[in-house]
C-alpha atoms as a PDB file:
ATOM      1  CA  MET A   1     -48.996  14.180  23.561  1.00  0.00           C
ATOM      2  CA  ILE A   2     -46.732  11.301  24.453  1.00  0.00           C
ATOM      3  CA  PRO A   3     -45.578  10.142  27.850  1.00  0.00           C
ATOM      4  CA  LYS A   4     -42.269  11.541  29.112  1.00  0.00           C
ATOM      5  CA  ALA A   5     -40.660   8.080  29.111  1.00  0.00           C
ATOM      6  CA  ASP A   6     -41.515   7.614  25.429  1.00  0.00           C
ATOM      7  CA  TYR A   7     -40.133  11.070  24.617  1.00  0.00           C
ATOM      8  CA  GLU A   8     -36.878  10.315  26.423  1.00  0.00           C
ATOM      9  CA  ALA A   9     -36.638   6.963  24.626  1.00  0.00           C
ATOM     10  CA  LEU A  10     -37.044   8.753  21.293  1.00  0.00           C
ATOM     11  CA  LEU A  11     -34.313  11.255  22.221  1.00  0.00           C
ATOM     12  CA  HIS A  12     -32.006   8.410  23.234  1.00  0.00           C
ATOM     13  CA  ALA A  13     -32.669   6.559  19.962  1.00  0.00           C
ATOM     14  CA  ALA A  14     -31.966   9.744  17.974  1.00  0.00           C
ATOM     15  CA  GLU A  15     -28.640  10.249  19.803  1.00  0.00           C
ATOM     16  CA  GLU A  16     -27.626   6.660  19.079  1.00  0.00           C
ATOM     17  CA  ALA A  17     -28.546   7.085  15.423  1.00  0.00           C
ATOM     18  CA  LEU A  18     -26.301  10.172  15.213  1.00  0.00           C
ATOM     19  CA  GLU A  19     -23.424   8.259  16.811  1.00  0.00           C
ATOM     20  CA  ASP A  20     -23.949   5.373  14.380  1.00  0.00           C
ATOM     21  CA  ALA A  21     -23.986   7.779  11.434  1.00  0.00           C
ATOM     22  CA  ALA A  22     -20.712   9.323  12.635  1.00  0.00           C
ATOM     23  CA  ASP A  23     -19.151   5.853  12.930  1.00  0.00           C
ATOM     24  CA  VAL A  24     -20.318   4.962   9.428  1.00  0.00           C
ATOM     25  CA  ALA A  25     -18.852   8.202   8.069  1.00  0.00           C
ATOM     26  CA  ILE A  26     -15.479   7.438   9.689  1.00  0.00           C
ATOM     27  CA  TYR A  27     -15.559   3.894   8.313  1.00  0.00           C
ATOM     28  CA  ASP A  28     -16.421   5.133   4.818  1.00  0.00           C
ATOM     29  CA  GLU A  29     -13.589   7.677   4.944  1.00  0.00           C
ATOM     30  CA  ARG A  30     -11.027   5.056   6.005  1.00  0.00           C
ATOM     31  CA  LYS A  31     -12.251   2.627   3.360  1.00  0.00           C
ATOM     32  CA  ALA A  32     -11.975   5.308   0.664  1.00  0.00           C
ATOM     33  CA  ASP A  33      -8.379   5.965   1.773  1.00  0.00           C
ATOM     34  CA  LEU A  34      -7.570   2.270   1.311  1.00  0.00           C
ATOM     35  CA  ASN A  35      -9.141   2.193  -2.136  1.00  0.00           C
ATOM     36  CA  THR A  36      -6.835   4.949  -3.393  1.00  0.00           C
ATOM     37  CA  GLU A  37      -3.748   2.911  -2.514  1.00  0.00           C
ATOM     38  CA  ARG A  38      -2.939  -0.224  -4.438  1.00  0.00           C
ATOM     39  CA  ALA A  39      -1.927  -2.984  -2.084  1.00  0.00           C
ATOM     40  CA  LEU A  40       1.153  -5.085  -2.703  1.00  0.00           C
ATOM     41  CA  PRO A  41       0.502  -8.622  -3.952  1.00  0.00           C
ATOM     42  CA  ALA A  42       0.294 -11.186  -1.155  1.00  0.00           C
ATOM     43  CA  ASP A  43       3.465 -13.002  -2.308  1.00  0.00           C
ATOM     44  CA  VAL A  44       5.452  -9.768  -2.185  1.00  0.00           C
ATOM     45  CA  THR A  45       4.087  -8.862   1.233  1.00  0.00           C
ATOM     46  CA  MET A  46       4.957 -12.289   2.631  1.00  0.00           C
ATOM     47  CA  ASN A  47       8.526 -12.044   1.320  1.00  0.00           C
ATOM     48  CA  VAL A  48       8.916  -8.567   2.835  1.00  0.00           C
ATOM     49  CA  LEU A  49       7.584  -9.845   6.162  1.00  0.00           C
ATOM     50  CA  ARG A  50      10.152 -12.651   5.987  1.00  0.00           C
ATOM     51  CA  GLY A  51      12.893 -10.019   5.710  1.00  0.00           C
ATOM     52  CA  SER A  52      13.327  -9.568   1.983  1.00  0.00           C
ATOM     53  CA  ASN A  53      13.896  -6.099   0.553  1.00  0.00           C
ATOM     54  CA  ARG A  54      10.765  -4.847  -1.226  1.00  0.00           C
ATOM     55  CA  LEU A  55      12.567  -4.360  -4.542  1.00  0.00           C
ATOM     56  CA  LYS A  56      13.972  -7.880  -4.395  1.00  0.00           C
ATOM     57  CA  ALA A  57      10.547  -9.282  -3.498  1.00  0.00           C
ATOM     58  CA  LEU A  58       8.992  -7.438  -6.456  1.00  0.00           C
ATOM     59  CA  ARG A  59      11.741  -8.638  -8.812  1.00  0.00           C
ATOM     60  CA  ASN A  60      11.282 -12.233  -7.666  1.00  0.00           C
ATOM     61  CA  TRP A  61       7.507 -11.888  -7.983  1.00  0.00           C
ATOM     62  CA  ARG A  62       8.038 -10.917 -11.634  1.00  0.00           C
ATOM     63  CA  LYS A  63      10.434 -13.887 -11.968  1.00  0.00           C
ATOM     64  CA  LEU A  64      13.381 -11.762 -13.085  1.00  0.00           C
ATOM     65  CA  THR A  65      17.040 -12.144 -12.222  1.00  0.00           C
ATOM     66  CA  GLN A  66      19.082  -9.167 -11.087  1.00  0.00           C
ATOM     67  CA  ALA A  67      20.894  -9.231 -14.415  1.00  0.00           C
ATOM     68  CA  GLU A  68      17.628  -9.210 -16.397  1.00  0.00           C
ATOM     69  CA  LEU A  69      16.135  -6.314 -14.448  1.00  0.00           C
ATOM     70  CA  ALA A  70      19.392  -4.364 -14.495  1.00  0.00           C
ATOM     71  CA  ALA A  71      19.619  -4.745 -18.275  1.00  0.00           C
ATOM     72  CA  ALA A  72      15.984  -3.684 -18.657  1.00  0.00           C
ATOM     73  CA  ILE A  73      16.622  -0.364 -16.902  1.00  0.00           C
ATOM     74  CA  GLY A  74      20.180   0.190 -18.134  1.00  0.00           C
ATOM     75  CA  VAL A  75      22.151  -0.189 -14.911  1.00  0.00           C
ATOM     76  CA  SER A  76      24.723  -2.701 -13.752  1.00  0.00           C
ATOM     77  CA  GLN A  77      23.781  -5.810 -11.851  1.00  0.00           C
ATOM     78  CA  GLY A  78      26.027  -4.587  -9.018  1.00  0.00           C
ATOM     79  CA  PHE A  79      24.082  -1.323  -8.796  1.00  0.00           C
ATOM     80  CA  LEU A  80      20.807  -3.252  -8.587  1.00  0.00           C
ATOM     81  CA  SER A  81      22.338  -5.474  -5.914  1.00  0.00           C
ATOM     82  CA  ASP A  82      23.238  -2.329  -3.937  1.00  0.00           C
ATOM     83  CA  LEU A  83      19.625  -1.139  -4.212  1.00  0.00           C
ATOM     84  CA  GLU A  84      18.292  -4.484  -3.018  1.00  0.00           C
ATOM     85  CA  SER A  85      20.680  -4.577  -0.061  1.00  0.00           C
ATOM     86  CA  ASN A  86      19.902  -0.946   0.884  1.00  0.00           C
ATOM     87  CA  ARG A  87      23.507   0.152   0.316  1.00  0.00           C
ATOM     88  CA  ARG A  88      22.119   2.713  -2.152  1.00  0.00           C
ATOM     89  CA  LYS A  89      18.793   4.463  -2.634  1.00  0.00           C
ATOM     90  CA  PRO A  90      17.258   4.794  -6.101  1.00  0.00           C
ATOM     91  CA  SER A  91      16.828   8.240  -7.592  1.00  0.00           C
ATOM     92  CA  GLU A  92      13.351   9.281  -8.699  1.00  0.00           C
ATOM     93  CA  GLN A  93      14.332   8.489 -12.281  1.00  0.00           C
ATOM     94  CA  THR A  94      15.647   5.034 -11.350  1.00  0.00           C
ATOM     95  CA  SER A  95      12.513   4.359  -9.294  1.00  0.00           C
ATOM     96  CA  ALA A  96      10.351   5.285 -12.289  1.00  0.00           C
ATOM     97  CA  MET A  97      12.366   3.002 -14.582  1.00  0.00           C
ATOM     98  CA  LEU A  98      12.109   0.145 -12.067  1.00  0.00           C
ATOM     99  CA  ALA A  99       8.350   0.607 -11.772  1.00  0.00           C
ATOM    100  CA  LYS A 100       7.977   0.576 -15.544  1.00  0.00           C
ATOM    101  CA  ALA A 101      10.223  -2.477 -16.023  1.00  0.00           C
ATOM    102  CA  LEU A 102       8.392  -4.368 -13.255  1.00  0.00           C
ATOM    103  CA  ASP A 103       4.995  -3.144 -14.516  1.00  0.00           C
ATOM    104  CA  ILE A 104       3.968  -1.909 -11.066  1.00  0.00           C
ATOM    105  CA  PRO A 105       2.701   1.356  -9.574  1.00  0.00           C
ATOM    106  CA  GLY A 106       5.481   3.785  -8.762  1.00  0.00           C
ATOM    107  CA  GLU A 107       4.499   3.970  -5.092  1.00  0.00           C
ATOM    108  CA  TRP A 108       5.516   0.342  -4.675  1.00  0.00           C
ATOM    109  CA  ILE A 109       9.169   1.299  -5.135  1.00  0.00           C
ATOM    110  CA  GLU A 110      10.566   2.524  -1.854  1.00  0.00           C
ATOM    111  CA  PRO A 111      12.078   6.007  -2.032  1.00  0.00           C
END
């Protein structure tokens, strides 16, 4: 037999351990979610935060001109300019070609 105070202390410690385990499980789940997504490079993120379009920031990160990237995917420089200024949205096919030409994951190209 143990004193009632010791028993209650053990119960309290067990409850805290369960809460801690739940917190750890939530943390692990959130961390796993982050690991499935590939983060943008820091330079690209900084340019986007400064107001640059993501596609333009990615193109500049790869050190390509609009003309070079447009030629690589078979569109006009004007069309690429429209994409970068949000006057047009890329189709799924264009997004895939951009991702391939920029050698980046497809999810980095905004829909």
